[in-house]
Amino acid sequence: MRRQRAMLSAFVLALVVAVSQAVAADKPDNVVPPNGYVPNEETAIRIALAVWEPIYGASQIAEQKPYRARLERGVWIVEGTLHAEMGGVAIAEIAKADGRVLRVSHGR
């Protein structure tokens, strides 16, 4: 009897998974831009600002203008500008293809 219940439970679980996958497959495909979700340096900078400001404070980040972004092997590296001999700047690495924030730090 226990074996039959276990088999029934396994069957129901498999059925639920199969139905879930079928329903998910019916949803329209996700739109993927041909140049990725972060196609240019302006977009990369906007994403970096959205991440930096809550961490380091909007006023500290504003002091690091202008911001620079360069693309290296599919990753945008965004940095602020250092205006003093001491200190550091915010740095963000953002995947061009999908917009994932790969790394955030503040140089010294």
PDB file of N, CA and C in Angstrom:
ATOM      1  N   MET A   1       0.814  -1.194   0.000  1.00  0.00           N
ATOM      2  CA  MET A   1       0.000   0.000   0.000  1.00  0.00           C
ATOM      3  C   MET A   1       0.869   1.273   0.000  1.00  0.00           C
ATOM      4  N   ARG A   2       1.936   1.242   0.815  1.00  0.00           N
ATOM      5  CA  ARG A   2       2.829   2.404   0.853  1.00  0.00           C
ATOM      6  C   ARG A   2       3.512   2.619  -0.490  1.00  0.00           C
ATOM      7  N   ARG A   3       3.885   1.505  -1.111  1.00  0.00           N
ATOM      8  CA  ARG A   3       4.553   1.609  -2.402  1.00  0.00           C
ATOM      9  C   ARG A   3       3.620   2.216  -3.450  1.00  0.00           C
ATOM     10  N   GLN A   4       2.352   1.833  -3.412  1.00  0.00           N
ATOM     11  CA  GLN A   4       1.383   2.381  -4.357  1.00  0.00           C
ATOM     12  C   GLN A   4       1.188   3.874  -4.127  1.00  0.00           C
ATOM     13  N   ARG A   5       1.142   4.297  -2.863  1.00  0.00           N
ATOM     14  CA  ARG A   5       1.004   5.731  -2.559  1.00  0.00           C
ATOM     15  C   ARG A   5       2.226   6.499  -3.030  1.00  0.00           C
ATOM     16  N   ALA A   6       3.399   5.925  -2.818  1.00  0.00           N
ATOM     17  CA  ALA A   6       4.634   6.583  -3.255  1.00  0.00           C
ATOM     18  C   ALA A   6       4.657   6.710  -4.773  1.00  0.00           C
ATOM     19  N   MET A   7       4.237   5.648  -5.467  1.00  0.00           N
ATOM     20  CA  MET A   7       4.204   5.687  -6.927  1.00  0.00           C
ATOM     21  C   MET A   7       3.176   6.698  -7.415  1.00  0.00           C
ATOM     22  N   LEU A   8       2.025   6.750  -6.753  1.00  0.00           N
ATOM     23  CA  LEU A   8       0.990   7.711  -7.120  1.00  0.00           C
ATOM     24  C   LEU A   8       1.490   9.136  -6.885  1.00  0.00           C
ATOM     25  N   SER A   9       2.150   9.358  -5.753  1.00  0.00           N
ATOM     26  CA  SER A   9       2.704  10.686  -5.454  1.00  0.00           C
ATOM     27  C   SER A   9       3.729  11.095  -6.493  1.00  0.00           C
ATOM     28  N   ALA A  10       4.598  10.174  -6.880  1.00  0.00           N
ATOM     29  CA  ALA A  10       5.613  10.462  -7.885  1.00  0.00           C
ATOM     30  C   ALA A  10       4.960  10.783  -9.225  1.00  0.00           C
ATOM     31  N   PHE A  11       3.906  10.030  -9.574  1.00  0.00           N
ATOM     32  CA  PHE A  11       3.197  10.272 -10.826  1.00  0.00           C
ATOM     33  C   PHE A  11       2.541  11.655 -10.811  1.00  0.00           C
ATOM     34  N   VAL A  12       1.894  11.999  -9.707  1.00  0.00           N
ATOM     35  CA  VAL A  12       1.222  13.308  -9.602  1.00  0.00           C
ATOM     36  C   VAL A  12       2.257  14.430  -9.696  1.00  0.00           C
ATOM     37  N   LEU A  13       3.386  14.264  -9.016  1.00  0.00           N
ATOM     38  CA  LEU A  13       4.443  15.270  -9.079  1.00  0.00           C
ATOM     39  C   LEU A  13       4.950  15.432 -10.508  1.00  0.00           C
ATOM     40  N   ALA A  14       5.190  14.329 -11.198  1.00  0.00           N
ATOM     41  CA  ALA A  14       5.653  14.384 -12.576  1.00  0.00           C
ATOM     42  C   ALA A  14       4.621  15.061 -13.470  1.00  0.00           C
ATOM     43  N   LEU A  15       3.359  14.779 -13.232  1.00  0.00           N
ATOM     44  CA  LEU A  15       2.282  15.391 -14.006  1.00  0.00           C
ATOM     45  C   LEU A  15       2.232  16.896 -13.773  1.00  0.00           C
ATOM     46  N   VAL A  16       2.366  17.304 -12.523  1.00  0.00           N
ATOM     47  CA  VAL A  16       2.356  18.740 -12.194  1.00  0.00           C
ATOM     48  C   VAL A  16       3.523  19.445 -12.884  1.00  0.00           C
ATOM     49  N   VAL A  17       4.699  18.849 -12.844  1.00  0.00           N
ATOM     50  CA  VAL A  17       5.872  19.435 -13.497  1.00  0.00           C
ATOM     51  C   VAL A  17       5.641  19.541 -15.004  1.00  0.00           C
ATOM     52  N   ALA A  18       5.119  18.503 -15.611  1.00  0.00           N
ATOM     53  CA  ALA A  18       4.879  18.503 -17.050  1.00  0.00           C
ATOM     54  C   ALA A  18       3.870  19.578 -17.446  1.00  0.00           C
ATOM     55  N   VAL A  19       2.796  19.704 -16.674  1.00  0.00           N
ATOM     56  CA  VAL A  19       1.778  20.720 -16.966  1.00  0.00           C
ATOM     57  C   VAL A  19       2.367  22.111 -16.788  1.00  0.00           C
ATOM     58  N   SER A  20       3.163  22.319 -15.735  1.00  0.00           N
ATOM     59  CA  SER A  20       3.789  23.620 -15.496  1.00  0.00           C
ATOM     60  C   SER A  20       4.682  24.012 -16.660  1.00  0.00           C
ATOM     61  N   GLN A  21       5.455  23.064 -17.160  1.00  0.00           N
ATOM     62  CA  GLN A  21       6.333  23.343 -18.290  1.00  0.00           C
ATOM     63  C   GLN A  21       5.533  23.635 -19.548  1.00  0.00           C
ATOM     64  N   ALA A  22       4.448  22.946 -19.739  1.00  0.00           N
ATOM     65  CA  ALA A  22       3.608  23.181 -20.917  1.00  0.00           C
ATOM     66  C   ALA A  22       2.977  24.563 -20.858  1.00  0.00           C
ATOM     67  N   VAL A  23       2.520  24.962 -19.685  1.00  0.00           N
ATOM     68  CA  VAL A  23       1.924  26.292 -19.533  1.00  0.00           C
ATOM     69  C   VAL A  23       2.982  27.362 -19.767  1.00  0.00           C
ATOM     70  N   ALA A  24       4.180  27.156 -19.223  1.00  0.00           N
ATOM     71  CA  ALA A  24       5.258  28.120 -19.411  1.00  0.00           C
ATOM     72  C   ALA A  24       5.639  28.226 -20.881  1.00  0.00           C
ATOM     73  N   ALA A  25       5.589  27.132 -21.595  1.00  0.00           N
ATOM     74  CA  ALA A  25       5.943  27.132 -23.017  1.00  0.00           C
ATOM     75  C   ALA A  25       4.926  27.900 -23.845  1.00  0.00           C
ATOM     76  N   ASP A  26       3.691  28.036 -23.363  1.00  0.00           N
ATOM     77  CA  ASP A  26       2.664  28.760 -24.093  1.00  0.00           C
ATOM     78  C   ASP A  26       2.822  30.271 -24.002  1.00  0.00           C
ATOM     79  N   LYS A  27       3.640  30.749 -23.049  1.00  0.00           N
ATOM     80  CA  LYS A  27       3.836  32.196 -22.906  1.00  0.00           C
ATOM     81  C   LYS A  27       4.679  32.693 -24.070  1.00  0.00           C
ATOM     82  N   PRO A  28       4.421  33.950 -24.484  1.00  0.00           N
ATOM     83  CA  PRO A  28       5.213  34.485 -25.594  1.00  0.00           C
ATOM     84  C   PRO A  28       6.692  34.567 -25.202  1.00  0.00           C
ATOM     85  N   ASP A  29       7.529  34.417 -26.206  1.00  0.00           N
ATOM     86  CA  ASP A  29       8.966  34.492 -25.968  1.00  0.00           C
ATOM     87  C   ASP A  29       9.357  35.864 -25.437  1.00  0.00           C
ATOM     88  N   ASN A  30      10.413  35.877 -24.675  1.00  0.00           N
ATOM     89  CA  ASN A  30      10.972  37.107 -24.162  1.00  0.00           C
ATOM     90  C   ASN A  30      11.652  37.851 -25.311  1.00  0.00           C
ATOM     91  N   VAL A  31      11.491  39.142 -25.365  1.00  0.00           N
ATOM     92  CA  VAL A  31      12.126  39.949 -26.396  1.00  0.00           C
ATOM     93  C   VAL A  31      13.582  40.167 -25.996  1.00  0.00           C
ATOM     94  N   VAL A  32      14.483  39.751 -26.843  1.00  0.00           N
ATOM     95  CA  VAL A  32      15.908  39.943 -26.602  1.00  0.00           C
ATOM     96  C   VAL A  32      16.427  40.888 -27.683  1.00  0.00           C
ATOM     97  N   PRO A  33      16.836  42.087 -27.286  1.00  0.00           N
ATOM     98  CA  PRO A  33      17.332  43.033 -28.289  1.00  0.00           C
ATOM     99  C   PRO A  33      18.578  42.483 -28.989  1.00  0.00           C
ATOM    100  N   PRO A  34      18.744  42.771 -30.263  1.00  0.00           N
ATOM    101  CA  PRO A  34      19.881  42.225 -31.005  1.00  0.00           C
ATOM    102  C   PRO A  34      21.235  42.670 -30.457  1.00  0.00           C
ATOM    103  N   ASN A  35      21.295  43.840 -29.839  1.00  0.00           N
ATOM    104  CA  ASN A  35      22.553  44.340 -29.273  1.00  0.00           C
ATOM    105  C   ASN A  35      22.616  44.140 -27.768  1.00  0.00           C
ATOM    106  N   GLY A  36      21.775  43.278 -27.223  1.00  0.00           N
ATOM    107  CA  GLY A  36      21.752  43.039 -25.784  1.00  0.00           C
ATOM    108  C   GLY A  36      20.899  44.064 -25.058  1.00  0.00           C
ATOM    109  N   TYR A  37      20.658  43.813 -23.776  1.00  0.00           N
ATOM    110  CA  TYR A  37      19.841  44.725 -22.980  1.00  0.00           C
ATOM    111  C   TYR A  37      20.591  45.998 -22.617  1.00  0.00           C
ATOM    112  N   VAL A  38      21.906  45.970 -22.716  1.00  0.00           N
ATOM    113  CA  VAL A  38      22.724  47.156 -22.412  1.00  0.00           C
ATOM    114  C   VAL A  38      23.552  47.456 -23.661  1.00  0.00           C
ATOM    115  N   PRO A  39      22.940  48.097 -24.665  1.00  0.00           N
ATOM    116  CA  PRO A  39      23.585  48.235 -25.966  1.00  0.00           C
ATOM    117  C   PRO A  39      24.644  49.320 -26.051  1.00  0.00           C
ATOM    118  N   ASN A  40      24.638  50.267 -25.104  1.00  0.00           N
ATOM    119  CA  ASN A  40      25.563  51.387 -25.226  1.00  0.00           C
ATOM    120  C   ASN A  40      26.012  51.888 -23.852  1.00  0.00           C
ATOM    121  N   GLU A  41      27.001  52.785 -23.881  1.00  0.00           N
ATOM    122  CA  GLU A  41      27.576  53.246 -22.618  1.00  0.00           C
ATOM    123  C   GLU A  41      26.581  54.073 -21.799  1.00  0.00           C
ATOM    124  N   GLU A  42      25.682  54.790 -22.443  1.00  0.00           N
ATOM    125  CA  GLU A  42      24.705  55.582 -21.693  1.00  0.00           C
ATOM    126  C   GLU A  42      23.811  54.683 -20.838  1.00  0.00           C
ATOM    127  N   THR A  43      23.382  53.586 -21.402  1.00  0.00           N
ATOM    128  CA  THR A  43      22.547  52.638 -20.657  1.00  0.00           C
ATOM    129  C   THR A  43      23.342  52.008 -19.521  1.00  0.00           C
ATOM    130  N   ALA A  44      24.590  51.653 -19.787  1.00  0.00           N
ATOM    131  CA  ALA A  44      25.438  51.071 -18.739  1.00  0.00           C
ATOM    132  C   ALA A  44      25.618  52.046 -17.588  1.00  0.00           C
ATOM    133  N   ILE A  45      25.823  53.305 -17.892  1.00  0.00           N
ATOM    134  CA  ILE A  45      26.002  54.326 -16.847  1.00  0.00           C
ATOM    135  C   ILE A  45      24.722  54.489 -16.040  1.00  0.00           C
ATOM    136  N   ARG A  46      23.571  54.488 -16.696  1.00  0.00           N
ATOM    137  CA  ARG A  46      22.304  54.630 -15.959  1.00  0.00           C
ATOM    138  C   ARG A  46      22.094  53.455 -14.998  1.00  0.00           C
ATOM    139  N   ILE A  47      22.442  52.256 -15.436  1.00  0.00           N
ATOM    140  CA  ILE A  47      22.310  51.088 -14.556  1.00  0.00           C
ATOM    141  C   ILE A  47      23.278  51.221 -13.387  1.00  0.00           C
ATOM    142  N   ALA A  48      24.518  51.610 -13.666  1.00  0.00           N
ATOM    143  CA  ALA A  48      25.509  51.768 -12.599  1.00  0.00           C
ATOM    144  C   ALA A  48      25.044  52.792 -11.572  1.00  0.00           C
ATOM    145  N   LEU A  49      24.509  53.911 -12.024  1.00  0.00           N
ATOM    146  CA  LEU A  49      24.017  54.938 -11.099  1.00  0.00           C
ATOM    147  C   LEU A  49      22.897  54.397 -10.214  1.00  0.00           C
ATOM    148  N   ALA A  50      21.999  53.628 -10.814  1.00  0.00           N
ATOM    149  CA  ALA A  50      20.879  53.057 -10.048  1.00  0.00           C
ATOM    150  C   ALA A  50      21.379  52.111  -8.964  1.00  0.00           C
ATOM    151  N   VAL A  51      22.525  51.493  -9.194  1.00  0.00           N
ATOM    152  CA  VAL A  51      23.088  50.572  -8.208  1.00  0.00           C
ATOM    153  C   VAL A  51      23.949  51.320  -7.191  1.00  0.00           C
ATOM    154  N   TRP A  52      24.777  52.242  -7.657  1.00  0.00           N
ATOM    155  CA  TRP A  52      25.701  52.960  -6.774  1.00  0.00           C
ATOM    156  C   TRP A  52      25.010  53.856  -5.756  1.00  0.00           C
ATOM    157  N   GLU A  53      24.023  54.633  -6.210  1.00  0.00           N
ATOM    158  CA  GLU A  53      23.436  55.663  -5.342  1.00  0.00           C
ATOM    159  C   GLU A  53      22.882  55.121  -4.026  1.00  0.00           C
ATOM    160  N   PRO A  54      22.144  54.008  -4.006  1.00  0.00           N
ATOM    161  CA  PRO A  54      21.679  53.494  -2.717  1.00  0.00           C
ATOM    162  C   PRO A  54      22.820  52.979  -1.832  1.00  0.00           C
ATOM    163  N   ILE A  55      23.911  52.554  -2.455  1.00  0.00           N
ATOM    164  CA  ILE A  55      25.027  52.001  -1.690  1.00  0.00           C
ATOM    165  C   ILE A  55      25.916  53.107  -1.132  1.00  0.00           C
ATOM    166  N   TYR A  56      26.334  54.033  -1.997  1.00  0.00           N
ATOM    167  CA  TYR A  56      27.340  55.022  -1.616  1.00  0.00           C
ATOM    168  C   TYR A  56      26.771  56.411  -1.358  1.00  0.00           C
ATOM    169  N   GLY A  57      25.519  56.637  -1.738  1.00  0.00           N
ATOM    170  CA  GLY A  57      24.895  57.945  -1.560  1.00  0.00           C
ATOM    171  C   GLY A  57      24.954  58.754  -2.842  1.00  0.00           C
ATOM    172  N   ALA A  58      23.839  59.381  -3.166  1.00  0.00           N
ATOM    173  CA  ALA A  58      23.729  60.132  -4.419  1.00  0.00           C
ATOM    174  C   ALA A  58      24.726  61.280  -4.488  1.00  0.00           C
ATOM    175  N   SER A  59      24.965  61.962  -3.365  1.00  0.00           N
ATOM    176  CA  SER A  59      25.878  63.114  -3.400  1.00  0.00           C
ATOM    177  C   SER A  59      27.322  62.671  -3.651  1.00  0.00           C
ATOM    178  N   GLN A  60      27.750  61.562  -3.049  1.00  0.00           N
ATOM    179  CA  GLN A  60      29.106  61.067  -3.265  1.00  0.00           C
ATOM    180  C   GLN A  60      29.282  60.617  -4.715  1.00  0.00           C
ATOM    181  N   ILE A  61      28.274  59.977  -5.257  1.00  0.00           N
ATOM    182  CA  ILE A  61      28.353  59.514  -6.642  1.00  0.00           C
ATOM    183  C   ILE A  61      28.327  60.704  -7.606  1.00  0.00           C
ATOM    184  N   ALA A  62      27.537  61.726  -7.316  1.00  0.00           N
ATOM    185  CA  ALA A  62      27.476  62.911  -8.182  1.00  0.00           C
ATOM    186  C   ALA A  62      28.827  63.613  -8.256  1.00  0.00           C
ATOM    187  N   GLU A  63      29.615  63.535  -7.189  1.00  0.00           N
ATOM    188  CA  GLU A  63      30.945  64.156  -7.177  1.00  0.00           C
ATOM    189  C   GLU A  63      31.918  63.447  -8.112  1.00  0.00           C
ATOM    190  N   GLN A  64      31.558  62.275  -8.610  1.00  0.00           N
ATOM    191  CA  GLN A  64      32.453  61.490  -9.461  1.00  0.00           C
ATOM    192  C   GLN A  64      32.169  61.669 -10.953  1.00  0.00           C
ATOM    193  N   LYS A  65      31.332  62.665 -11.293  1.00  0.00           N
ATOM    194  CA  LYS A  65      31.071  62.957 -12.706  1.00  0.00           C
ATOM    195  C   LYS A  65      32.345  63.497 -13.335  1.00  0.00           C
ATOM    196  N   PRO A  66      32.589  63.301 -14.586  1.00  0.00           N
ATOM    197  CA  PRO A  66      31.825  62.490 -15.520  1.00  0.00           C
ATOM    198  C   PRO A  66      32.116  61.003 -15.316  1.00  0.00           C
ATOM    199  N   TYR A  67      31.140  60.207 -15.725  1.00  0.00           N
ATOM    200  CA  TYR A  67      31.271  58.760 -15.623  1.00  0.00           C
ATOM    201  C   TYR A  67      31.761  58.236 -16.973  1.00  0.00           C
ATOM    202  N   ARG A  68      32.530  57.175 -16.924  1.00  0.00           N
ATOM    203  CA  ARG A  68      33.046  56.566 -18.152  1.00  0.00           C
ATOM    204  C   ARG A  68      32.619  55.105 -18.194  1.00  0.00           C
ATOM    205  N   ALA A  69      32.356  54.620 -19.401  1.00  0.00           N
ATOM    206  CA  ALA A  69      32.013  53.205 -19.580  1.00  0.00           C
ATOM    207  C   ALA A  69      32.778  52.684 -20.790  1.00  0.00           C
ATOM    208  N   ARG A  70      33.334  51.501 -20.627  1.00  0.00           N
ATOM    209  CA  ARG A  70      34.014  50.851 -21.744  1.00  0.00           C
ATOM    210  C   ARG A  70      33.569  49.395 -21.787  1.00  0.00           C
ATOM    211  N   LEU A  71      33.503  48.853 -22.980  1.00  0.00           N
ATOM    212  CA  LEU A  71      33.053  47.482 -23.174  1.00  0.00           C
ATOM    213  C   LEU A  71      34.264  46.576 -23.356  1.00  0.00           C
ATOM    214  N   GLU A  72      34.361  45.555 -22.512  1.00  0.00           N
ATOM    215  CA  GLU A  72      35.442  44.574 -22.601  1.00  0.00           C
ATOM    216  C   GLU A  72      34.848  43.171 -22.552  1.00  0.00           C
ATOM    217  N   ARG A  73      34.999  42.438 -23.630  1.00  0.00           N
ATOM    218  CA  ARG A  73      34.541  41.042 -23.716  1.00  0.00           C
ATOM    219  C   ARG A  73      33.103  40.861 -23.224  1.00  0.00           C
ATOM    220  N   GLY A  74      32.212  41.729 -23.685  1.00  0.00           N
ATOM    221  CA  GLY A  74      30.793  41.593 -23.360  1.00  0.00           C
ATOM    222  C   GLY A  74      30.398  42.123 -21.998  1.00  0.00           C
ATOM    223  N   VAL A  75      31.316  42.831 -21.321  1.00  0.00           N
ATOM    224  CA  VAL A  75      31.026  43.395 -19.998  1.00  0.00           C
ATOM    225  C   VAL A  75      31.332  44.886 -20.024  1.00  0.00           C
ATOM    226  N   TRP A  76      30.334  45.682 -19.630  1.00  0.00           N
ATOM    227  CA  TRP A  76      30.540  47.118 -19.483  1.00  0.00           C
ATOM    228  C   TRP A  76      31.236  47.366 -18.147  1.00  0.00           C
ATOM    229  N   ILE A  77      32.340  48.089 -18.187  1.00  0.00           N
ATOM    230  CA  ILE A  77      33.030  48.508 -16.968  1.00  0.00           C
ATOM    231  C   ILE A  77      32.780  50.004 -16.845  1.00  0.00           C
ATOM    232  N   VAL A  78      32.054  50.377 -15.790  1.00  0.00           N
ATOM    233  CA  VAL A  78      31.643  51.762 -15.587  1.00  0.00           C
ATOM    234  C   VAL A  78      32.384  52.291 -14.368  1.00  0.00           C
ATOM    235  N   GLU A  79      32.969  53.482 -14.512  1.00  0.00           N
ATOM    236  CA  GLU A  79      33.723  54.089 -13.416  1.00  0.00           C
ATOM    237  C   GLU A  79      33.409  55.569 -13.320  1.00  0.00           C
ATOM    238  N   GLY A  80      33.525  56.075 -12.105  1.00  0.00           N
ATOM    239  CA  GLY A  80      33.452  57.507 -11.900  1.00  0.00           C
ATOM    240  C   GLY A  80      34.814  58.113 -12.187  1.00  0.00           C
ATOM    241  N   THR A  81      34.924  59.444 -12.038  1.00  0.00           N
ATOM    242  CA  THR A  81      36.179  60.153 -12.254  1.00  0.00           C
ATOM    243  C   THR A  81      36.714  60.630 -10.913  1.00  0.00           C
ATOM    244  N   LEU A  82      38.000  60.390 -10.678  1.00  0.00           N
ATOM    245  CA  LEU A  82      38.656  60.814  -9.448  1.00  0.00           C
ATOM    246  C   LEU A  82      39.104  62.260  -9.618  1.00  0.00           C
ATOM    247  N   HIS A  83      38.686  63.134  -8.686  1.00  0.00           N
ATOM    248  CA  HIS A  83      39.005  64.554  -8.775  1.00  0.00           C
ATOM    249  C   HIS A  83      40.004  64.989  -7.710  1.00  0.00           C
ATOM    250  N   ALA A  84      40.560  64.065  -6.969  1.00  0.00           N
ATOM    251  CA  ALA A  84      41.532  64.384  -5.924  1.00  0.00           C
ATOM    252  C   ALA A  84      42.650  63.359  -5.988  1.00  0.00           C
ATOM    253  N   GLU A  85      43.753  63.674  -5.327  1.00  0.00           N
ATOM    254  CA  GLU A  85      44.870  62.729  -5.326  1.00  0.00           C
ATOM    255  C   GLU A  85      44.571  61.511  -4.460  1.00  0.00           C
ATOM    256  N   MET A  86      43.763  61.674  -3.466  1.00  0.00           N
ATOM    257  CA  MET A  86      43.416  60.588  -2.555  1.00  0.00           C
ATOM    258  C   MET A  86      41.972  60.168  -2.814  1.00  0.00           C
ATOM    259  N   GLY A  87      41.657  58.969  -2.421  1.00  0.00           N
ATOM    260  CA  GLY A  87      40.287  58.481  -2.551  1.00  0.00           C
ATOM    261  C   GLY A  87      40.166  57.481  -3.677  1.00  0.00           C
ATOM    262  N   GLY A  88      38.943  57.248  -4.100  1.00  0.00           N
ATOM    263  CA  GLY A  88      38.693  56.280  -5.159  1.00  0.00           C
ATOM    264  C   GLY A  88      37.373  56.583  -5.833  1.00  0.00           C
ATOM    265  N   VAL A  89      37.026  55.734  -6.768  1.00  0.00           N
ATOM    266  CA  VAL A  89      35.791  55.928  -7.522  1.00  0.00           C
ATOM    267  C   VAL A  89      34.962  54.650  -7.503  1.00  0.00           C
ATOM    268  N   ALA A  90      33.682  54.815  -7.724  1.00  0.00           N
ATOM    269  CA  ALA A  90      32.778  53.673  -7.825  1.00  0.00           C
ATOM    270  C   ALA A  90      33.046  52.948  -9.135  1.00  0.00           C
ATOM    271  N   ILE A  91      32.927  51.625  -9.075  1.00  0.00           N
ATOM    272  CA  ILE A  91      33.137  50.785 -10.245  1.00  0.00           C
ATOM    273  C   ILE A  91      31.978  49.786 -10.322  1.00  0.00           C
ATOM    274  N   ALA A  92      31.478  49.576 -11.515  1.00  0.00           N
ATOM    275  CA  ALA A  92      30.443  48.561 -11.728  1.00  0.00           C
ATOM    276  C   ALA A  92      30.777  47.797 -12.998  1.00  0.00           C
ATOM    277  N   GLU A  93      30.544  46.504 -12.960  1.00  0.00           N
ATOM    278  CA  GLU A  93      30.683  45.668 -14.151  1.00  0.00           C
ATOM    279  C   GLU A  93      29.305  45.094 -14.462  1.00  0.00           C
ATOM    280  N   ILE A  94      28.860  45.320 -15.689  1.00  0.00           N
ATOM    281  CA  ILE A  94      27.492  44.992 -16.095  1.00  0.00           C
ATOM    282  C   ILE A  94      27.526  44.189 -17.396  1.00  0.00           C
ATOM    283  N   ALA A  95      26.840  43.053 -17.417  1.00  0.00           N
ATOM    284  CA  ALA A  95      26.796  42.219 -18.612  1.00  0.00           C
ATOM    285  C   ALA A  95      25.983  42.904 -19.709  1.00  0.00           C
ATOM    286  N   LYS A  96      26.575  43.037 -20.887  1.00  0.00           N
ATOM    287  CA  LYS A  96      25.903  43.670 -22.018  1.00  0.00           C
ATOM    288  C   LYS A  96      24.686  42.868 -22.460  1.00  0.00           C
ATOM    289  N   ALA A  97      24.811  41.552 -22.472  1.00  0.00           N
ATOM    290  CA  ALA A  97      23.757  40.704 -23.016  1.00  0.00           C
ATOM    291  C   ALA A  97      22.472  40.764 -22.209  1.00  0.00           C
ATOM    292  N   ASP A  98      22.584  40.702 -20.873  1.00  0.00           N
ATOM    293  CA  ASP A  98      21.362  40.591 -20.061  1.00  0.00           C
ATOM    294  C   ASP A  98      21.244  41.611 -18.934  1.00  0.00           C
ATOM    295  N   GLY A  99      22.206  42.504 -18.780  1.00  0.00           N
ATOM    296  CA  GLY A  99      22.101  43.570 -17.785  1.00  0.00           C
ATOM    297  C   GLY A  99      22.438  43.162 -16.359  1.00  0.00           C
ATOM    298  N   ARG A 100      22.927  41.926 -16.173  1.00  0.00           N
ATOM    299  CA  ARG A 100      23.284  41.506 -14.810  1.00  0.00           C
ATOM    300  C   ARG A 100      24.419  42.367 -14.279  1.00  0.00           C
ATOM    301  N   VAL A 101      24.302  42.760 -13.028  1.00  0.00           N
ATOM    302  CA  VAL A 101      25.379  43.478 -12.363  1.00  0.00           C
ATOM    303  C   VAL A 101      26.322  42.408 -11.815  1.00  0.00           C
ATOM    304  N   LEU A 102      27.522  42.365 -12.374  1.00  0.00           N
ATOM    305  CA  LEU A 102      28.474  41.311 -12.043  1.00  0.00           C
ATOM    306  C   LEU A 102      29.361  41.682 -10.863  1.00  0.00           C
ATOM    307  N   ARG A 103      29.642  42.986 -10.719  1.00  0.00           N
ATOM    308  CA  ARG A 103      30.515  43.417  -9.631  1.00  0.00           C
ATOM    309  C   ARG A 103      30.284  44.886  -9.356  1.00  0.00           C
ATOM    310  N   VAL A 104      30.313  45.252  -8.079  1.00  0.00           N
ATOM    311  CA  VAL A 104      30.234  46.639  -7.659  1.00  0.00           C
ATOM    312  C   VAL A 104      31.295  46.823  -6.596  1.00  0.00           C
ATOM    313  N   SER A 105      32.077  47.892  -6.729  1.00  0.00           N
ATOM    314  CA  SER A 105      33.060  48.186  -5.696  1.00  0.00           C
ATOM    315  C   SER A 105      33.377  49.670  -5.739  1.00  0.00           C
ATOM    316  N   HIS A 106      34.206  50.079  -4.799  1.00  0.00           N
ATOM    317  CA  HIS A 106      34.662  51.466  -4.748  1.00  0.00           C
ATOM    318  C   HIS A 106      36.160  51.416  -4.575  1.00  0.00           C
ATOM    319  N   GLY A 107      36.879  51.904  -5.580  1.00  0.00           N
ATOM    320  CA  GLY A 107      38.333  51.881  -5.522  1.00  0.00           C
ATOM    321  C   GLY A 107      38.856  52.775  -4.405  1.00  0.00           C
ATOM    322  N   ARG A 108      40.091  52.526  -4.030  1.00  0.00           N
ATOM    323  CA  ARG A 108      40.716  53.329  -2.953  1.00  0.00           C
ATOM    324  C   ARG A 108      41.815  54.175  -3.521  1.00  0.00           C
TER     325      ARG A 108
END
